[in-house]
Each structure stands twice: as C-alpha cells, then as structure tokens.
Amino acid sequence: MKKKLIEGVHFVYNEQGYMVLTAKYHLENGQCCGNGCMLCPYEHINVPEPKRSSIINKLRDEKKNNLN
C-alpha cells in the first residue's frame, strides 16, 4: 500500500510550481532517491555526476549569498 503524501509535510511546491519532496519524506523513505531533490538530507549520494556536483555547488552558493 502506498503512503499518502501530505503537502507541507512530505512535499512542497517551489516557485516554478514543481513538487519538491521534503527532507522528512526522504528520511522516512530511508535513502536518497537519486533525482537531485533540493531538500535531500543525504547529501545527494545517489545522484550521478556531474549533476551531483552541480547541485552541491548551487546549494553552497545559495547558502553563501543568504549569509551576506
């Protein structure tokens, strides 16, 4: 039986209207899905290169810009 996803708990919608799975969803799932989710709590370990490096760099840049 598939689990019912709850908006705001298991997913949110980004500015472009795309559904983004939350860290809580992934933690309950038990692993990185490999799709490059922006809220991945597993440091994108299953995302293939070069996409993984691109995501990590983008997140690092966003965090740096938010601190300034």
PDB file of N, CA and C in Angstrom:
ATOM      1  N   MET A   1       0.839  -1.187   0.000  1.00  0.00           N
ATOM      2  CA  MET A   1       0.000   0.000   0.000  1.00  0.00           C
ATOM      3  C   MET A   1       0.880   1.245   0.000  1.00  0.00           C
ATOM      4  N   LYS A   2       0.603   2.159  -0.892  1.00  0.00           N
ATOM      5  CA  LYS A   2       1.375   3.393  -0.971  1.00  0.00           C
ATOM      6  C   LYS A   2       0.915   4.359   0.111  1.00  0.00           C
ATOM      7  N   LYS A   3       1.875   5.094   0.637  1.00  0.00           N
ATOM      8  CA  LYS A   3       1.605   6.080   1.667  1.00  0.00           C
ATOM      9  C   LYS A   3       1.069   7.358   1.025  1.00  0.00           C
ATOM     10  N   LYS A   4       0.064   7.949   1.654  1.00  0.00           N
ATOM     11  CA  LYS A   4      -0.487   9.211   1.162  1.00  0.00           C
ATOM     12  C   LYS A   4       0.465  10.348   1.514  1.00  0.00           C
ATOM     13  N   LEU A   5       0.829  11.137   0.507  1.00  0.00           N
ATOM     14  CA  LEU A   5       1.715  12.275   0.729  1.00  0.00           C
ATOM     15  C   LEU A   5       0.904  13.487   1.172  1.00  0.00           C
ATOM     16  N   ILE A   6       1.434  14.188   2.166  1.00  0.00           N
ATOM     17  CA  ILE A   6       0.760  15.350   2.722  1.00  0.00           C
ATOM     18  C   ILE A   6       1.559  16.604   2.353  1.00  0.00           C
ATOM     19  N   GLU A   7       0.868  17.558   1.710  1.00  0.00           N
ATOM     20  CA  GLU A   7       1.522  18.812   1.346  1.00  0.00           C
ATOM     21  C   GLU A   7       1.984  19.542   2.608  1.00  0.00           C
ATOM     22  N   GLY A   8       3.208  20.054   2.567  1.00  0.00           N
ATOM     23  CA  GLY A   8       3.788  20.748   3.713  1.00  0.00           C
ATOM     24  C   GLY A   8       4.524  19.825   4.660  1.00  0.00           C
ATOM     25  N   VAL A   9       4.270  18.540   4.543  1.00  0.00           N
ATOM     26  CA  VAL A   9       4.957  17.548   5.370  1.00  0.00           C
ATOM     27  C   VAL A   9       5.896  16.715   4.505  1.00  0.00           C
ATOM     28  N   HIS A  10       5.358  16.132   3.459  1.00  0.00           N
ATOM     29  CA  HIS A  10       6.138  15.268   2.579  1.00  0.00           C
ATOM     30  C   HIS A  10       6.592  15.967   1.296  1.00  0.00           C
ATOM     31  N   PHE A  11       5.919  17.043   0.947  1.00  0.00           N
ATOM     32  CA  PHE A  11       6.302  17.794  -0.248  1.00  0.00           C
ATOM     33  C   PHE A  11       5.835  19.234  -0.128  1.00  0.00           C
ATOM     34  N   VAL A  12       6.471  20.093  -0.909  1.00  0.00           N
ATOM     35  CA  VAL A  12       6.082  21.495  -1.050  1.00  0.00           C
ATOM     36  C   VAL A  12       6.167  21.827  -2.534  1.00  0.00           C
ATOM     37  N   TYR A  13       5.603  22.959  -2.928  1.00  0.00           N
ATOM     38  CA  TYR A  13       5.720  23.425  -4.306  1.00  0.00           C
ATOM     39  C   TYR A  13       6.722  24.570  -4.345  1.00  0.00           C
ATOM     40  N   ASN A  14       7.649  24.516  -5.313  1.00  0.00           N
ATOM     41  CA  ASN A  14       8.627  25.596  -5.446  1.00  0.00           C
ATOM     42  C   ASN A  14       8.035  26.760  -6.241  1.00  0.00           C
ATOM     43  N   GLU A  15       8.846  27.784  -6.457  1.00  0.00           N
ATOM     44  CA  GLU A  15       8.387  28.990  -7.144  1.00  0.00           C
ATOM     45  C   GLU A  15       7.907  28.710  -8.568  1.00  0.00           C
ATOM     46  N   GLN A  16       8.435  27.680  -9.196  1.00  0.00           N
ATOM     47  CA  GLN A  16       8.051  27.324 -10.563  1.00  0.00           C
ATOM     48  C   GLN A  16       6.821  26.414 -10.594  1.00  0.00           C
ATOM     49  N   GLY A  17       6.312  26.035  -9.417  1.00  0.00           N
ATOM     50  CA  GLY A  17       5.137  25.180  -9.350  1.00  0.00           C
ATOM     51  C   GLY A  17       5.432  23.694  -9.323  1.00  0.00           C
ATOM     52  N   TYR A  18       6.712  23.340  -9.262  1.00  0.00           N
ATOM     53  CA  TYR A  18       7.078  21.927  -9.210  1.00  0.00           C
ATOM     54  C   TYR A  18       6.990  21.395  -7.784  1.00  0.00           C
ATOM     55  N   MET A  19       6.578  20.141  -7.654  1.00  0.00           N
ATOM     56  CA  MET A  19       6.525  19.496  -6.354  1.00  0.00           C
ATOM     57  C   MET A  19       7.943  19.109  -5.938  1.00  0.00           C
ATOM     58  N   VAL A  20       8.324  19.456  -4.711  1.00  0.00           N
ATOM     59  CA  VAL A  20       9.644  19.156  -4.172  1.00  0.00           C
ATOM     60  C   VAL A  20       9.461  18.291  -2.924  1.00  0.00           C
ATOM     61  N   LEU A  21      10.067  17.122  -2.929  1.00  0.00           N
ATOM     62  CA  LEU A  21       9.975  16.238  -1.766  1.00  0.00           C
ATOM     63  C   LEU A  21      10.802  16.809  -0.623  1.00  0.00           C
ATOM     64  N   THR A  22      10.271  16.727   0.586  1.00  0.00           N
ATOM     65  CA  THR A  22      10.945  17.294   1.759  1.00  0.00           C
ATOM     66  C   THR A  22      11.971  16.318   2.340  1.00  0.00           C
ATOM     67  N   ALA A  23      12.806  16.856   3.217  1.00  0.00           N
ATOM     68  CA  ALA A  23      13.779  16.022   3.919  1.00  0.00           C
ATOM     69  C   ALA A  23      13.049  14.954   4.736  1.00  0.00           C
ATOM     70  N   LYS A  24      11.931  15.321   5.337  1.00  0.00           N
ATOM     71  CA  LYS A  24      11.143  14.354   6.121  1.00  0.00           C
ATOM     72  C   LYS A  24      10.727  13.168   5.251  1.00  0.00           C
ATOM     73  N   TYR A  25      10.280  13.430   4.036  1.00  0.00           N
ATOM     74  CA  TYR A  25       9.900  12.352   3.125  1.00  0.00           C
ATOM     75  C   TYR A  25      11.073  11.409   2.905  1.00  0.00           C
ATOM     76  N   HIS A  26      12.228  11.988   2.593  1.00  0.00           N
ATOM     77  CA  HIS A  26      13.401  11.167   2.311  1.00  0.00           C
ATOM     78  C   HIS A  26      13.864  10.396   3.541  1.00  0.00           C
ATOM     79  N   LEU A  27      13.818  11.030   4.700  1.00  0.00           N
ATOM     80  CA  LEU A  27      14.213  10.341   5.928  1.00  0.00           C
ATOM     81  C   LEU A  27      13.286   9.157   6.205  1.00  0.00           C
ATOM     82  N   GLU A  28      11.988   9.338   5.968  1.00  0.00           N
ATOM     83  CA  GLU A  28      11.044   8.237   6.143  1.00  0.00           C
ATOM     84  C   GLU A  28      11.264   7.152   5.093  1.00  0.00           C
ATOM     85  N   ASN A  29      11.691   7.546   3.894  1.00  0.00           N
ATOM     86  CA  ASN A  29      11.968   6.599   2.820  1.00  0.00           C
ATOM     87  C   ASN A  29      13.260   5.827   3.091  1.00  0.00           C
ATOM     88  N   GLY A  30      14.201   6.475   3.777  1.00  0.00           N
ATOM     89  CA  GLY A  30      15.426   5.791   4.191  1.00  0.00           C
ATOM     90  C   GLY A  30      16.615   5.935   3.271  1.00  0.00           C
ATOM     91  N   GLN A  31      16.467   6.684   2.178  1.00  0.00           N
ATOM     92  CA  GLN A  31      17.613   6.836   1.280  1.00  0.00           C
ATOM     93  C   GLN A  31      17.403   7.974   0.291  1.00  0.00           C
ATOM     94  N   CYS A  32      18.499   8.389  -0.317  1.00  0.00           N
ATOM     95  CA  CYS A  32      18.456   9.367  -1.397  1.00  0.00           C
ATOM     96  C   CYS A  32      17.861   8.669  -2.622  1.00  0.00           C
ATOM     97  N   CYS A  33      16.896   9.330  -3.273  1.00  0.00           N
ATOM     98  CA  CYS A  33      16.247   8.733  -4.451  1.00  0.00           C
ATOM     99  C   CYS A  33      17.091   8.878  -5.716  1.00  0.00           C
ATOM    100  N   GLY A  34      18.101   9.769  -5.694  1.00  0.00           N
ATOM    101  CA  GLY A  34      18.968   9.935  -6.849  1.00  0.00           C
ATOM    102  C   GLY A  34      18.473  10.932  -7.876  1.00  0.00           C
ATOM    103  N   ASN A  35      17.364  11.625  -7.581  1.00  0.00           N
ATOM    104  CA  ASN A  35      16.797  12.574  -8.529  1.00  0.00           C
ATOM    105  C   ASN A  35      17.313  13.996  -8.365  1.00  0.00           C
ATOM    106  N   GLY A  36      18.113  14.244  -7.359  1.00  0.00           N
ATOM    107  CA  GLY A  36      18.660  15.586  -7.160  1.00  0.00           C
ATOM    108  C   GLY A  36      17.721  16.530  -6.446  1.00  0.00           C
ATOM    109  N   CYS A  37      16.912  16.003  -5.542  1.00  0.00           N
ATOM    110  CA  CYS A  37      15.962  16.825  -4.789  1.00  0.00           C
ATOM    111  C   CYS A  37      16.706  17.889  -3.987  1.00  0.00           C
ATOM    112  N   MET A  38      16.204  19.113  -4.032  1.00  0.00           N
ATOM    113  CA  MET A  38      16.885  20.229  -3.383  1.00  0.00           C
ATOM    114  C   MET A  38      16.868  20.129  -1.860  1.00  0.00           C
ATOM    115  N   LEU A  39      15.964  19.364  -1.282  1.00  0.00           N
ATOM    116  CA  LEU A  39      15.886  19.227   0.168  1.00  0.00           C
ATOM    117  C   LEU A  39      16.429  17.881   0.655  1.00  0.00           C
ATOM    118  N   CYS A  40      17.255  17.241  -0.133  1.00  0.00           N
ATOM    119  CA  CYS A  40      17.796  15.922   0.205  1.00  0.00           C
ATOM    120  C   CYS A  40      18.657  15.973   1.474  1.00  0.00           C
ATOM    121  N   PRO A  41      18.321  15.165   2.488  1.00  0.00           N
ATOM    122  CA  PRO A  41      19.120  15.136   3.710  1.00  0.00           C
ATOM    123  C   PRO A  41      20.328  14.201   3.610  1.00  0.00           C
ATOM    124  N   TYR A  42      20.490  13.525   2.474  1.00  0.00           N
ATOM    125  CA  TYR A  42      21.549  12.539   2.291  1.00  0.00           C
ATOM    126  C   TYR A  42      22.695  13.046   1.429  1.00  0.00           C
ATOM    127  N   GLU A  43      22.806  14.349   1.290  1.00  0.00           N
ATOM    128  CA  GLU A  43      23.883  14.972   0.514  1.00  0.00           C
ATOM    129  C   GLU A  43      23.955  14.450  -0.921  1.00  0.00           C
ATOM    130  N   HIS A  44      22.801  14.070  -1.457  1.00  0.00           N
ATOM    131  CA  HIS A  44      22.688  13.656  -2.866  1.00  0.00           C
ATOM    132  C   HIS A  44      23.613  12.482  -3.225  1.00  0.00           C
ATOM    133  N   ILE A  45      23.797  11.549  -2.296  1.00  0.00           N
ATOM    134  CA  ILE A  45      24.767  10.464  -2.512  1.00  0.00           C
ATOM    135  C   ILE A  45      24.445   9.552  -3.685  1.00  0.00           C
ATOM    136  N   ASN A  46      23.188   9.456  -4.094  1.00  0.00           N
ATOM    137  CA  ASN A  46      22.828   8.584  -5.215  1.00  0.00           C
ATOM    138  C   ASN A  46      22.615   9.328  -6.531  1.00  0.00           C
ATOM    139  N   VAL A  47      22.901  10.624  -6.542  1.00  0.00           N
ATOM    140  CA  VAL A  47      22.761  11.413  -7.768  1.00  0.00           C
ATOM    141  C   VAL A  47      24.039  11.246  -8.594  1.00  0.00           C
ATOM    142  N   PRO A  48      23.917  10.867  -9.855  1.00  0.00           N
ATOM    143  CA  PRO A  48      25.108  10.664 -10.686  1.00  0.00           C
ATOM    144  C   PRO A  48      25.818  11.986 -11.002  1.00  0.00           C
ATOM    145  N   GLU A  49      27.118  11.888 -11.176  1.00  0.00           N
ATOM    146  CA  GLU A  49      27.920  13.036 -11.608  1.00  0.00           C
ATOM    147  C   GLU A  49      27.672  13.263 -13.096  1.00  0.00           C
ATOM    148  N   PRO A  50      27.747  14.463 -13.588  1.00  0.00           N
ATOM    149  CA  PRO A  50      28.163  15.697 -12.935  1.00  0.00           C
ATOM    150  C   PRO A  50      27.019  16.435 -12.237  1.00  0.00           C
ATOM    151  N   LYS A  51      25.795  15.871 -12.319  1.00  0.00           N
ATOM    152  CA  LYS A  51      24.639  16.541 -11.717  1.00  0.00           C
ATOM    153  C   LYS A  51      24.832  16.753 -10.217  1.00  0.00           C
ATOM    154  N   ARG A  52      25.403  15.763  -9.516  1.00  0.00           N
ATOM    155  CA  ARG A  52      25.598  15.874  -8.068  1.00  0.00           C
ATOM    156  C   ARG A  52      26.456  17.087  -7.720  1.00  0.00           C
ATOM    157  N   SER A  53      27.583  17.239  -8.376  1.00  0.00           N
ATOM    158  CA  SER A  53      28.481  18.368  -8.113  1.00  0.00           C
ATOM    159  C   SER A  53      27.807  19.694  -8.424  1.00  0.00           C
ATOM    160  N   SER A  54      27.039  19.730  -9.492  1.00  0.00           N
ATOM    161  CA  SER A  54      26.329  20.948  -9.869  1.00  0.00           C
ATOM    162  C   SER A  54      25.329  21.356  -8.783  1.00  0.00           C
ATOM    163  N   ILE A  55      24.582  20.402  -8.264  1.00  0.00           N
ATOM    164  CA  ILE A  55      23.608  20.683  -7.208  1.00  0.00           C
ATOM    165  C   ILE A  55      24.302  21.156  -5.942  1.00  0.00           C
ATOM    166  N   ILE A  56      25.355  20.466  -5.546  1.00  0.00           N
ATOM    167  CA  ILE A  56      26.080  20.831  -4.328  1.00  0.00           C
ATOM    168  C   ILE A  56      26.657  22.235  -4.450  1.00  0.00           C
ATOM    169  N   ASN A  57      27.231  22.562  -5.596  1.00  0.00           N
ATOM    170  CA  ASN A  57      27.779  23.910  -5.805  1.00  0.00           C
ATOM    171  C   ASN A  57      26.685  24.966  -5.769  1.00  0.00           C
ATOM    172  N   LYS A  58      25.539  24.676  -6.376  1.00  0.00           N
ATOM    173  CA  LYS A  58      24.427  25.618  -6.385  1.00  0.00           C
ATOM    174  C   LYS A  58      23.926  25.866  -4.962  1.00  0.00           C
ATOM    175  N   LEU A  59      23.769  24.813  -4.188  1.00  0.00           N
ATOM    176  CA  LEU A  59      23.307  24.957  -2.806  1.00  0.00           C
ATOM    177  C   LEU A  59      24.315  25.729  -1.963  1.00  0.00           C
ATOM    178  N   ARG A  60      25.596  25.471  -2.177  1.00  0.00           N
ATOM    179  CA  ARG A  60      26.652  26.178  -1.439  1.00  0.00           C
ATOM    180  C   ARG A  60      26.615  27.675  -1.772  1.00  0.00           C
ATOM    181  N   ASP A  61      26.443  27.994  -3.057  1.00  0.00           N
ATOM    182  CA  ASP A  61      26.384  29.389  -3.487  1.00  0.00           C
ATOM    183  C   ASP A  61      25.164  30.099  -2.913  1.00  0.00           C
ATOM    184  N   GLU A  62      24.013  29.415  -2.911  1.00  0.00           N
ATOM    185  CA  GLU A  62      22.792  29.999  -2.349  1.00  0.00           C
ATOM    186  C   GLU A  62      22.950  30.262  -0.855  1.00  0.00           C
ATOM    187  N   LYS A  63      23.548  29.310  -0.156  1.00  0.00           N
ATOM    188  CA  LYS A  63      23.763  29.486   1.283  1.00  0.00           C
ATOM    189  C   LYS A  63      24.702  30.651   1.546  1.00  0.00           C
ATOM    190  N   LYS A  64      25.766  30.753   0.754  1.00  0.00           N
ATOM    191  CA  LYS A  64      26.737  31.850   0.890  1.00  0.00           C
ATOM    192  C   LYS A  64      26.060  33.187   0.629  1.00  0.00           C
ATOM    193  N   ASN A  65      25.218  33.275  -0.410  1.00  0.00           N
ATOM    194  CA  ASN A  65      24.524  34.514  -0.751  1.00  0.00           C
ATOM    195  C   ASN A  65      23.506  34.910   0.327  1.00  0.00           C
ATOM    196  N   ASN A  66      22.887  33.925   0.955  1.00  0.00           N
ATOM    197  CA  ASN A  66      21.898  34.210   2.006  1.00  0.00           C
ATOM    198  C   ASN A  66      22.568  34.717   3.280  1.00  0.00           C
ATOM    199  N   LEU A  67      23.836  34.391   3.481  1.00  0.00           N
ATOM    200  CA  LEU A  67      24.553  34.854   4.657  1.00  0.00           C
ATOM    201  C   LEU A  67      25.001  36.298   4.523  1.00  0.00           C
ATOM    202  N   ASN A  68      25.092  36.771   3.279  1.00  0.00           N
ATOM    203  CA  ASN A  68      25.549  38.154   3.017  1.00  0.00           C
ATOM    204  C   ASN A  68      24.431  39.134   3.035  1.00  0.00           C
TER     205      ASN A  68
END
